[in-house]
Amino acid sequence: MSAEDLDNYETAAELALYREYRDVIKLFTYVVETERRFYLANKVDFNVRSAGQDVYFDVQLTDAWVWDVYRSSRFVKKVRIVTFKDVNVEEVQKSDIDIPDSL
């Protein structure tokens, strides 16, 4: 496989992932971003924990979709995220979703 073939494959996979995201975002209530992943979920349980003087986040998602081009199945029943890094949780405003169909 040439470098160009690999680049074309990755581009096609990323476009397919975007199209899937566009189709499924309306099914979810929350957007969750971490340093490593992007999730859509219908339930988010967000907890701040401490270990000595360190603080970390323990986030549990239910009924989730994972933005990951290399996953064969992106729909996940439960996800647990434990991280010392930032976590951003936003509630999706259904009326704000206006993703163009042209892509």
PDB file of N, CA and C in Angstrom:
ATOM      1  N   MET A   1       0.851  -1.172   0.000  1.00  0.00           N
ATOM      2  CA  MET A   1       0.000   0.000   0.000  1.00  0.00           C
ATOM      3  C   MET A   1       0.899   1.238   0.000  1.00  0.00           C
ATOM      4  N   SER A   2       0.626   2.147  -0.897  1.00  0.00           N
ATOM      5  CA  SER A   2       1.435   3.362  -0.993  1.00  0.00           C
ATOM      6  C   SER A   2       1.001   4.380   0.056  1.00  0.00           C
ATOM      7  N   ALA A   3       1.832   5.390   0.255  1.00  0.00           N
ATOM      8  CA  ALA A   3       1.499   6.457   1.201  1.00  0.00           C
ATOM      9  C   ALA A   3       0.237   7.189   0.755  1.00  0.00           C
ATOM     10  N   GLU A   4       0.083   7.354  -0.545  1.00  0.00           N
ATOM     11  CA  GLU A   4      -1.115   8.027  -1.062  1.00  0.00           C
ATOM     12  C   GLU A   4      -2.373   7.187  -0.810  1.00  0.00           C
ATOM     13  N   ASP A   5      -2.279   5.870  -0.994  1.00  0.00           N
ATOM     14  CA  ASP A   5      -3.408   4.984  -0.716  1.00  0.00           C
ATOM     15  C   ASP A   5      -3.805   5.057   0.755  1.00  0.00           C
ATOM     16  N   LEU A   6      -2.807   5.055   1.621  1.00  0.00           N
ATOM     17  CA  LEU A   6      -3.075   5.142   3.058  1.00  0.00           C
ATOM     18  C   LEU A   6      -3.725   6.474   3.406  1.00  0.00           C
ATOM     19  N   ASP A   7      -3.240   7.556   2.823  1.00  0.00           N
ATOM     20  CA  ASP A   7      -3.814   8.880   3.060  1.00  0.00           C
ATOM     21  C   ASP A   7      -5.263   8.932   2.579  1.00  0.00           C
ATOM     22  N   ASN A   8      -5.533   8.357   1.410  1.00  0.00           N
ATOM     23  CA  ASN A   8      -6.906   8.322   0.881  1.00  0.00           C
ATOM     24  C   ASN A   8      -7.822   7.492   1.769  1.00  0.00           C
ATOM     25  N   TYR A   9      -7.313   6.369   2.286  1.00  0.00           N
ATOM     26  CA  TYR A   9      -8.097   5.521   3.192  1.00  0.00           C
ATOM     27  C   TYR A   9      -8.441   6.286   4.463  1.00  0.00           C
ATOM     28  N   GLU A  10      -7.467   6.953   5.064  1.00  0.00           N
ATOM     29  CA  GLU A  10      -7.701   7.705   6.300  1.00  0.00           C
ATOM     30  C   GLU A  10      -8.674   8.851   6.075  1.00  0.00           C
ATOM     31  N   THR A  11      -8.564   9.537   4.956  1.00  0.00           N
ATOM     32  CA  THR A  11      -9.477  10.629   4.638  1.00  0.00           C
ATOM     33  C   THR A  11     -10.904  10.117   4.489  1.00  0.00           C
ATOM     34  N   ALA A  12     -11.069   9.008   3.793  1.00  0.00           N
ATOM     35  CA  ALA A  12     -12.399   8.424   3.618  1.00  0.00           C
ATOM     36  C   ALA A  12     -12.985   7.961   4.957  1.00  0.00           C
ATOM     37  N   ALA A  13     -12.143   7.377   5.817  1.00  0.00           N
ATOM     38  CA  ALA A  13     -12.615   6.916   7.127  1.00  0.00           C
ATOM     39  C   ALA A  13     -13.036   8.091   7.999  1.00  0.00           C
ATOM     40  N   GLU A  14     -12.287   9.180   7.977  1.00  0.00           N
ATOM     41  CA  GLU A  14     -12.636  10.367   8.764  1.00  0.00           C
ATOM     42  C   GLU A  14     -13.923  11.006   8.254  1.00  0.00           C
ATOM     43  N   LEU A  15     -14.116  11.049   6.957  1.00  0.00           N
ATOM     44  CA  LEU A  15     -15.349  11.597   6.395  1.00  0.00           C
ATOM     45  C   LEU A  15     -16.550  10.720   6.771  1.00  0.00           C
ATOM     46  N   ALA A  16     -16.382   9.408   6.735  1.00  0.00           N
ATOM     47  CA  ALA A  16     -17.458   8.496   7.140  1.00  0.00           C
ATOM     48  C   ALA A  16     -17.793   8.684   8.620  1.00  0.00           C
ATOM     49  N   LEU A  17     -16.769   8.907   9.449  1.00  0.00           N
ATOM     50  CA  LEU A  17     -16.995   9.136  10.872  1.00  0.00           C
ATOM     51  C   LEU A  17     -17.762  10.434  11.096  1.00  0.00           C
ATOM     52  N   TYR A  18     -17.395  11.487  10.376  1.00  0.00           N
ATOM     53  CA  TYR A  18     -18.125  12.751  10.483  1.00  0.00           C
ATOM     54  C   TYR A  18     -19.584  12.572  10.075  1.00  0.00           C
ATOM     55  N   ARG A  19     -19.813  11.841   9.020  1.00  0.00           N
ATOM     56  CA  ARG A  19     -21.193  11.619   8.569  1.00  0.00           C
ATOM     57  C   ARG A  19     -21.988  10.836   9.607  1.00  0.00           C
ATOM     58  N   GLU A  20     -21.347   9.859  10.235  1.00  0.00           N
ATOM     59  CA  GLU A  20     -22.026   9.111  11.293  1.00  0.00           C
ATOM     60  C   GLU A  20     -22.352  10.038  12.465  1.00  0.00           C
ATOM     61  N   TYR A  21     -21.389  10.880  12.852  1.00  0.00           N
ATOM     62  CA  TYR A  21     -21.603  11.859  13.923  1.00  0.00           C
ATOM     63  C   TYR A  21     -22.793  12.754  13.595  1.00  0.00           C
ATOM     64  N   ARG A  22     -22.836  13.237  12.389  1.00  0.00           N
ATOM     65  CA  ARG A  22     -23.931  14.110  11.941  1.00  0.00           C
ATOM     66  C   ARG A  22     -25.275  13.406  12.069  1.00  0.00           C
ATOM     67  N   ASP A  23     -25.293  12.101  11.808  1.00  0.00           N
ATOM     68  CA  ASP A  23     -26.537  11.340  11.877  1.00  0.00           C
ATOM     69  C   ASP A  23     -26.960  11.019  13.306  1.00  0.00           C
ATOM     70  N   VAL A  24     -25.994  10.836  14.224  1.00  0.00           N
ATOM     71  CA  VAL A  24     -26.349  10.367  15.569  1.00  0.00           C
ATOM     72  C   VAL A  24     -26.412  11.459  16.626  1.00  0.00           C
ATOM     73  N   ILE A  25     -25.877  12.633  16.387  1.00  0.00           N
ATOM     74  CA  ILE A  25     -25.825  13.652  17.444  1.00  0.00           C
ATOM     75  C   ILE A  25     -27.212  13.989  17.984  1.00  0.00           C
ATOM     76  N   LYS A  26     -28.215  13.931  17.153  1.00  0.00           N
ATOM     77  CA  LYS A  26     -29.572  14.272  17.596  1.00  0.00           C
ATOM     78  C   LYS A  26     -30.146  13.244  18.569  1.00  0.00           C
ATOM     79  N   LEU A  27     -29.499  12.104  18.704  1.00  0.00           N
ATOM     80  CA  LEU A  27     -29.961  11.061  19.624  1.00  0.00           C
ATOM     81  C   LEU A  27     -29.433  11.249  21.042  1.00  0.00           C
ATOM     82  N   PHE A  28     -28.507  12.201  21.237  1.00  0.00           N
ATOM     83  CA  PHE A  28     -27.817  12.328  22.511  1.00  0.00           C
ATOM     84  C   PHE A  28     -28.062  13.671  23.182  1.00  0.00           C
ATOM     85  N   THR A  29     -27.835  13.692  24.500  1.00  0.00           N
ATOM     86  CA  THR A  29     -28.091  14.868  25.319  1.00  0.00           C
ATOM     87  C   THR A  29     -26.828  15.636  25.664  1.00  0.00           C
ATOM     88  N   TYR A  30     -25.691  14.945  25.776  1.00  0.00           N
ATOM     89  CA  TYR A  30     -24.444  15.582  26.220  1.00  0.00           C
ATOM     90  C   TYR A  30     -23.301  15.322  25.251  1.00  0.00           C
ATOM     91  N   VAL A  31     -22.410  16.309  25.195  1.00  0.00           N
ATOM     92  CA  VAL A  31     -21.130  16.189  24.509  1.00  0.00           C
ATOM     93  C   VAL A  31     -20.068  16.216  25.600  1.00  0.00           C
ATOM     94  N   VAL A  32     -19.161  15.245  25.581  1.00  0.00           N
ATOM     95  CA  VAL A  32     -18.102  15.158  26.582  1.00  0.00           C
ATOM     96  C   VAL A  32     -16.760  15.112  25.852  1.00  0.00           C
ATOM     97  N   GLU A  33     -15.884  16.054  26.210  1.00  0.00           N
ATOM     98  CA  GLU A  33     -14.554  16.099  25.606  1.00  0.00           C
ATOM     99  C   GLU A  33     -13.497  15.867  26.670  1.00  0.00           C
ATOM    100  N   THR A  34     -12.558  15.002  26.354  1.00  0.00           N
ATOM    101  CA  THR A  34     -11.389  14.803  27.207  1.00  0.00           C
ATOM    102  C   THR A  34     -10.152  15.040  26.343  1.00  0.00           C
ATOM    103  N   GLU A  35      -9.014  14.923  26.949  1.00  0.00           N
ATOM    104  CA  GLU A  35      -7.760  15.076  26.205  1.00  0.00           C
ATOM    105  C   GLU A  35      -7.625  14.012  25.112  1.00  0.00           C
ATOM    106  N   ARG A  36      -8.180  12.836  25.354  1.00  0.00           N
ATOM    107  CA  ARG A  36      -7.986  11.707  24.447  1.00  0.00           C
ATOM    108  C   ARG A  36      -9.171  11.380  23.558  1.00  0.00           C
ATOM    109  N   ARG A  37     -10.387  11.732  23.971  1.00  0.00           N
ATOM    110  CA  ARG A  37     -11.565  11.297  23.241  1.00  0.00           C
ATOM    111  C   ARG A  37     -12.656  12.361  23.234  1.00  0.00           C
ATOM    112  N   PHE A  38     -13.614  12.123  22.353  1.00  0.00           N
ATOM    113  CA  PHE A  38     -14.820  12.933  22.212  1.00  0.00           C
ATOM    114  C   PHE A  38     -15.985  11.955  22.272  1.00  0.00           C
ATOM    115  N   TYR A  39     -16.961  12.242  23.127  1.00  0.00           N
ATOM    116  CA  TYR A  39     -18.096  11.339  23.332  1.00  0.00           C
ATOM    117  C   TYR A  39     -19.410  12.093  23.184  1.00  0.00           C
ATOM    118  N   LEU A  40     -20.435  11.355  22.826  1.00  0.00           N
ATOM    119  CA  LEU A  40     -21.812  11.797  22.951  1.00  0.00           C
ATOM    120  C   LEU A  40     -22.439  10.838  23.958  1.00  0.00           C
ATOM    121  N   ALA A  41     -23.298  11.340  24.839  1.00  0.00           N
ATOM    122  CA  ALA A  41     -23.913  10.475  25.856  1.00  0.00           C
ATOM    123  C   ALA A  41     -25.283  10.995  26.245  1.00  0.00           C
ATOM    124  N   ASN A  42     -26.097  10.101  26.783  1.00  0.00           N
ATOM    125  CA  ASN A  42     -27.409  10.500  27.274  1.00  0.00           C
ATOM    126  C   ASN A  42     -27.429  10.706  28.777  1.00  0.00           C
ATOM    127  N   LYS A  43     -26.450  10.163  29.487  1.00  0.00           N
ATOM    128  CA  LYS A  43     -26.350  10.381  30.920  1.00  0.00           C
ATOM    129  C   LYS A  43     -24.878  10.544  31.286  1.00  0.00           C
ATOM    130  N   VAL A  44     -24.589  11.555  32.108  1.00  0.00           N
ATOM    131  CA  VAL A  44     -23.220  11.818  32.556  1.00  0.00           C
ATOM    132  C   VAL A  44     -23.228  11.951  34.073  1.00  0.00           C
ATOM    133  N   ASP A  45     -22.389  11.163  34.714  1.00  0.00           N
ATOM    134  CA  ASP A  45     -22.200  11.242  36.160  1.00  0.00           C
ATOM    135  C   ASP A  45     -20.773  11.734  36.377  1.00  0.00           C
ATOM    136  N   PHE A  46     -20.629  12.986  36.814  1.00  0.00           N
ATOM    137  CA  PHE A  46     -19.335  13.658  36.918  1.00  0.00           C
ATOM    138  C   PHE A  46     -18.965  13.825  38.388  1.00  0.00           C
ATOM    139  N   ASN A  47     -17.817  13.273  38.781  1.00  0.00           N
ATOM    140  CA  ASN A  47     -17.369  13.359  40.166  1.00  0.00           C
ATOM    141  C   ASN A  47     -15.925  13.833  40.241  1.00  0.00           C
ATOM    142  N   VAL A  48     -15.665  14.716  41.186  1.00  0.00           N
ATOM    143  CA  VAL A  48     -14.298  15.167  41.461  1.00  0.00           C
ATOM    144  C   VAL A  48     -13.814  14.359  42.655  1.00  0.00           C
ATOM    145  N   ARG A  49     -12.688  13.697  42.487  1.00  0.00           N
ATOM    146  CA  ARG A  49     -12.129  12.850  43.541  1.00  0.00           C
ATOM    147  C   ARG A  49     -10.760  13.385  43.945  1.00  0.00           C
ATOM    148  N   SER A  50     -10.310  12.963  45.104  1.00  0.00           N
ATOM    149  CA  SER A  50      -8.965  13.365  45.538  1.00  0.00           C
ATOM    150  C   SER A  50      -8.191  12.134  45.975  1.00  0.00           C
ATOM    151  N   ALA A  51      -6.903  12.213  45.719  1.00  0.00           N
ATOM    152  CA  ALA A  51      -5.962  11.177  46.141  1.00  0.00           C
ATOM    153  C   ALA A  51      -4.791  11.920  46.770  1.00  0.00           C
ATOM    154  N   GLY A  52      -4.812  12.034  48.083  1.00  0.00           N
ATOM    155  CA  GLY A  52      -3.806  12.863  48.741  1.00  0.00           C
ATOM    156  C   GLY A  52      -4.075  14.315  48.396  1.00  0.00           C
ATOM    157  N   GLN A  53      -3.084  14.973  47.834  1.00  0.00           N
ATOM    158  CA  GLN A  53      -3.251  16.375  47.429  1.00  0.00           C
ATOM    159  C   GLN A  53      -3.671  16.516  45.971  1.00  0.00           C
ATOM    160  N   ASP A  54      -3.712  15.407  45.248  1.00  0.00           N
ATOM    161  CA  ASP A  54      -4.093  15.440  43.840  1.00  0.00           C
ATOM    162  C   ASP A  54      -5.597  15.322  43.684  1.00  0.00           C
ATOM    163  N   VAL A  55      -6.107  15.996  42.667  1.00  0.00           N
ATOM    164  CA  VAL A  55      -7.528  15.945  42.332  1.00  0.00           C
ATOM    165  C   VAL A  55      -7.649  15.332  40.939  1.00  0.00           C
ATOM    166  N   TYR A  56      -8.623  14.434  40.780  1.00  0.00           N
ATOM    167  CA  TYR A  56      -8.866  13.850  39.468  1.00  0.00           C
ATOM    168  C   TYR A  56     -10.369  13.763  39.232  1.00  0.00           C
ATOM    169  N   PHE A  57     -10.724  13.508  37.983  1.00  0.00           N
ATOM    170  CA  PHE A  57     -12.121  13.439  37.583  1.00  0.00           C
ATOM    171  C   PHE A  57     -12.495  11.991  37.286  1.00  0.00           C
ATOM    172  N   ASP A  58     -13.632  11.584  37.795  1.00  0.00           N
ATOM    173  CA  ASP A  58     -14.190  10.259  37.554  1.00  0.00           C
ATOM    174  C   ASP A  58     -15.536  10.493  36.877  1.00  0.00           C
ATOM    175  N   VAL A  59     -15.596  10.207  35.592  1.00  0.00           N
ATOM    176  CA  VAL A  59     -16.787  10.500  34.792  1.00  0.00           C
ATOM    177  C   VAL A  59     -17.340   9.184  34.258  1.00  0.00           C
ATOM    178  N   GLN A  60     -18.621   8.963  34.478  1.00  0.00           N
ATOM    179  CA  GLN A  60     -19.259   7.764  33.960  1.00  0.00           C
ATOM    180  C   GLN A  60     -20.356   8.171  32.976  1.00  0.00           C
ATOM    181  N   LEU A  61     -20.294   7.578  31.801  1.00  0.00           N
ATOM    182  CA  LEU A  61     -21.258   7.862  30.737  1.00  0.00           C
ATOM    183  C   LEU A  61     -22.125   6.635  30.509  1.00  0.00           C
ATOM    184  N   THR A  62     -23.386   6.878  30.245  1.00  0.00           N
ATOM    185  CA  THR A  62     -24.315   5.798  29.916  1.00  0.00           C
ATOM    186  C   THR A  62     -24.924   6.102  28.555  1.00  0.00           C
ATOM    187  N   ASP A  63     -25.075   5.055  27.757  1.00  0.00           N
ATOM    188  CA  ASP A  63     -25.644   5.185  26.416  1.00  0.00           C
ATOM    189  C   ASP A  63     -24.812   6.183  25.614  1.00  0.00           C
ATOM    190  N   ALA A  64     -23.609   5.767  25.254  1.00  0.00           N
ATOM    191  CA  ALA A  64     -22.632   6.681  24.663  1.00  0.00           C
ATOM    192  C   ALA A  64     -22.246   6.286  23.242  1.00  0.00           C
ATOM    193  N   TRP A  65     -21.682   7.262  22.559  1.00  0.00           N
ATOM    194  CA  TRP A  65     -21.093   7.093  21.229  1.00  0.00           C
ATOM    195  C   TRP A  65     -19.699   7.697  21.297  1.00  0.00           C
ATOM    196  N   VAL A  66     -18.702   6.988  20.778  1.00  0.00           N
ATOM    197  CA  VAL A  66     -17.301   7.404  20.879  1.00  0.00           C
ATOM    198  C   VAL A  66     -16.797   7.843  19.508  1.00  0.00           C
ATOM    199  N   TRP A  67     -16.196   9.046  19.457  1.00  0.00           N
ATOM    200  CA  TRP A  67     -15.572   9.520  18.223  1.00  0.00           C
ATOM    201  C   TRP A  67     -14.202   8.849  18.132  1.00  0.00           C
ATOM    202  N   ASP A  68     -14.115   7.788  17.360  1.00  0.00           N
ATOM    203  CA  ASP A  68     -12.861   7.067  17.180  1.00  0.00           C
ATOM    204  C   ASP A  68     -12.921   6.364  15.836  1.00  0.00           C
ATOM    205  N   VAL A  69     -12.125   6.839  14.913  1.00  0.00           N
ATOM    206  CA  VAL A  69     -12.180   6.351  13.540  1.00  0.00           C
ATOM    207  C   VAL A  69     -11.799   4.872  13.449  1.00  0.00           C
ATOM    208  N   TYR A  70     -11.047   4.360  14.406  1.00  0.00           N
ATOM    209  CA  TYR A  70     -10.558   2.986  14.313  1.00  0.00           C
ATOM    210  C   TYR A  70     -11.390   1.973  15.104  1.00  0.00           C
ATOM    211  N   ARG A  71     -12.440   2.416  15.785  1.00  0.00           N
ATOM    212  CA  ARG A  71     -13.324   1.489  16.511  1.00  0.00           C
ATOM    213  C   ARG A  71     -14.302   0.848  15.547  1.00  0.00           C
ATOM    214  N   SER A  72     -14.513  -0.437  15.708  1.00  0.00           N
ATOM    215  CA  SER A  72     -15.489  -1.104  14.846  1.00  0.00           C
ATOM    216  C   SER A  72     -16.920  -0.819  15.311  1.00  0.00           C
ATOM    217  N   SER A  73     -17.092  -0.649  16.616  1.00  0.00           N
ATOM    218  CA  SER A  73     -18.406  -0.322  17.167  1.00  0.00           C
ATOM    219  C   SER A  73     -18.270   0.913  18.056  1.00  0.00           C
ATOM    220  N   ARG A  74     -18.889   1.997  17.649  1.00  0.00           N
ATOM    221  CA  ARG A  74     -18.752   3.248  18.398  1.00  0.00           C
ATOM    222  C   ARG A  74     -19.837   3.431  19.457  1.00  0.00           C
ATOM    223  N   PHE A  75     -20.899   2.656  19.403  1.00  0.00           N
ATOM    224  CA  PHE A  75     -21.944   2.742  20.419  1.00  0.00           C
ATOM    225  C   PHE A  75     -21.537   1.882  21.616  1.00  0.00           C
ATOM    226  N   VAL A  76     -21.562   2.504  22.806  1.00  0.00           N
ATOM    227  CA  VAL A  76     -21.111   1.831  24.019  1.00  0.00           C
ATOM    228  C   VAL A  76     -22.169   2.022  25.098  1.00  0.00           C
ATOM    229  N   LYS A  77     -22.470   0.965  25.827  1.00  0.00           N
ATOM    230  CA  LYS A  77     -23.492   1.045  26.869  1.00  0.00           C
ATOM    231  C   LYS A  77     -23.007   1.874  28.053  1.00  0.00           C
ATOM    232  N   LYS A  78     -21.776   1.638  28.500  1.00  0.00           N
ATOM    233  CA  LYS A  78     -21.216   2.385  29.636  1.00  0.00           C
ATOM    234  C   LYS A  78     -19.749   2.692  29.369  1.00  0.00           C
ATOM    235  N   VAL A  79     -19.339   3.888  29.785  1.00  0.00           N
ATOM    236  CA  VAL A  79     -17.947   4.319  29.664  1.00  0.00           C
ATOM    237  C   VAL A  79     -17.536   4.927  30.995  1.00  0.00           C
ATOM    238  N   ARG A  80     -16.339   4.599  31.450  1.00  0.00           N
ATOM    239  CA  ARG A  80     -15.798   5.246  32.647  1.00  0.00           C
ATOM    240  C   ARG A  80     -14.506   5.931  32.254  1.00  0.00           C
ATOM    241  N   ILE A  81     -14.415   7.216  32.592  1.00  0.00           N
ATOM    242  CA  ILE A  81     -13.238   8.024  32.305  1.00  0.00           C
ATOM    243  C   ILE A  81     -12.643   8.458  33.638  1.00  0.00           C
ATOM    244  N   VAL A  82     -11.382   8.166  33.845  1.00  0.00           N
ATOM    245  CA  VAL A  82     -10.666   8.615  35.038  1.00  0.00           C
ATOM    246  C   VAL A  82      -9.444   9.381  34.538  1.00  0.00           C
ATOM    247  N   THR A  83      -9.370  10.675  34.893  1.00  0.00           N
ATOM    248  CA  THR A  83      -8.295  11.499  34.348  1.00  0.00           C
ATOM    249  C   THR A  83      -7.929  12.642  35.288  1.00  0.00           C
ATOM    250  N   PHE A  84      -6.682  13.049  35.210  1.00  0.00           N
ATOM    251  CA  PHE A  84      -6.213  14.238  35.919  1.00  0.00           C
ATOM    252  C   PHE A  84      -6.330  15.471  35.012  1.00  0.00           C
ATOM    253  N   LYS A  85      -6.621  15.249  33.753  1.00  0.00           N
ATOM    254  CA  LYS A  85      -6.710  16.326  32.760  1.00  0.00           C
ATOM    255  C   LYS A  85      -8.115  16.919  32.726  1.00  0.00           C
ATOM    256  N   ASP A  86      -8.267  17.999  31.977  1.00  0.00           N
ATOM    257  CA  ASP A  86      -9.557  18.672  31.848  1.00  0.00           C
ATOM    258  C   ASP A  86     -10.606  17.777  31.196  1.00  0.00           C
ATOM    259  N   VAL A  87     -11.838  17.937  31.645  1.00  0.00           N
ATOM    260  CA  VAL A  87     -12.995  17.282  31.043  1.00  0.00           C
ATOM    261  C   VAL A  87     -14.047  18.362  30.814  1.00  0.00           C
ATOM    262  N   ASN A  88     -14.561  18.416  29.610  1.00  0.00           N
ATOM    263  CA  ASN A  88     -15.585  19.395  29.269  1.00  0.00           C
ATOM    264  C   ASN A  88     -16.895  18.657  28.999  1.00  0.00           C
ATOM    265  N   VAL A  89     -17.954  19.036  29.706  1.00  0.00           N
ATOM    266  CA  VAL A  89     -19.274  18.434  29.521  1.00  0.00           C
ATOM    267  C   VAL A  89     -20.237  19.548  29.141  1.00  0.00           C
ATOM    268  N   GLU A  90     -20.913  19.355  28.020  1.00  0.00           N
ATOM    269  CA  GLU A  90     -21.883  20.345  27.559  1.00  0.00           C
ATOM    270  C   GLU A  90     -23.202  19.645  27.249  1.00  0.00           C
ATOM    271  N   GLU A  91     -24.287  20.308  27.587  1.00  0.00           N
ATOM    272  CA  GLU A  91     -25.598  19.789  27.218  1.00  0.00           C
ATOM    273  C   GLU A  91     -25.915  20.272  25.810  1.00  0.00           C
ATOM    274  N   VAL A  92     -26.318  19.354  24.972  1.00  0.00           N
ATOM    275  CA  VAL A  92     -26.649  19.682  23.585  1.00  0.00           C
ATOM    276  C   VAL A  92     -28.015  20.343  23.560  1.00  0.00           C
ATOM    277  N   GLN A  93     -28.096  21.500  22.957  1.00  0.00           N
ATOM    278  CA  GLN A  93     -29.368  22.178  22.747  1.00  0.00           C
ATOM    279  C   GLN A  93     -29.899  21.697  21.404  1.00  0.00           C
ATOM    280  N   LYS A  94     -30.916  20.895  21.444  1.00  0.00           N
ATOM    281  CA  LYS A  94     -31.441  20.276  20.221  1.00  0.00           C
ATOM    282  C   LYS A  94     -31.765  21.294  19.133  1.00  0.00           C
ATOM    283  N   SER A  95     -32.216  22.469  19.527  1.00  0.00           N
ATOM    284  CA  SER A  95     -32.557  23.486  18.530  1.00  0.00           C
ATOM    285  C   SER A  95     -31.309  24.111  17.916  1.00  0.00           C
ATOM    286  N   ASP A  96     -30.150  23.954  18.571  1.00  0.00           N
ATOM    287  CA  ASP A  96     -28.906  24.536  18.054  1.00  0.00           C
ATOM    288  C   ASP A  96     -28.223  23.655  17.019  1.00  0.00           C
ATOM    289  N   ILE A  97     -28.660  22.414  16.891  1.00  0.00           N
ATOM    290  CA  ILE A  97     -27.993  21.482  15.985  1.00  0.00           C
ATOM    291  C   ILE A  97     -28.443  21.776  14.570  1.00  0.00           C
ATOM    292  N   ASP A  98     -27.512  22.268  13.784  1.00  0.00           N
ATOM    293  CA  ASP A  98     -27.783  22.555  12.382  1.00  0.00           C
ATOM    294  C   ASP A  98     -26.552  22.163  11.596  1.00  0.00           C
ATOM    295  N   ILE A  99     -26.437  20.880  11.316  1.00  0.00           N
ATOM    296  CA  ILE A  99     -25.266  20.358  10.611  1.00  0.00           C
ATOM    297  C   ILE A  99     -25.637  20.221   9.143  1.00  0.00           C
ATOM    298  N   PRO A 100     -24.821  20.786   8.254  1.00  0.00           N
ATOM    299  CA  PRO A 100     -25.155  20.711   6.823  1.00  0.00           C
ATOM    300  C   PRO A 100     -25.144  19.283   6.298  1.00  0.00           C
ATOM    301  N   ASP A 101     -26.091  18.967   5.443  1.00  0.00           N
ATOM    302  CA  ASP A 101     -26.176  17.635   4.832  1.00  0.00           C
ATOM    303  C   ASP A 101     -25.277  17.494   3.615  1.00  0.00           C
ATOM    304  N   SER A 102     -24.661  18.557   3.184  1.00  0.00           N
ATOM    305  CA  SER A 102     -23.908  18.534   1.934  1.00  0.00           C
ATOM    306  C   SER A 102     -22.617  17.741   2.016  1.00  0.00           C
ATOM    307  N   LEU A 103     -22.131  17.424   3.205  1.00  0.00           N
ATOM    308  CA  LEU A 103     -20.887  16.658   3.312  1.00  0.00           C
ATOM    309  C   LEU A 103     -21.133  15.182   3.289  1.00  0.00           C
TER     310      LEU A 103
END
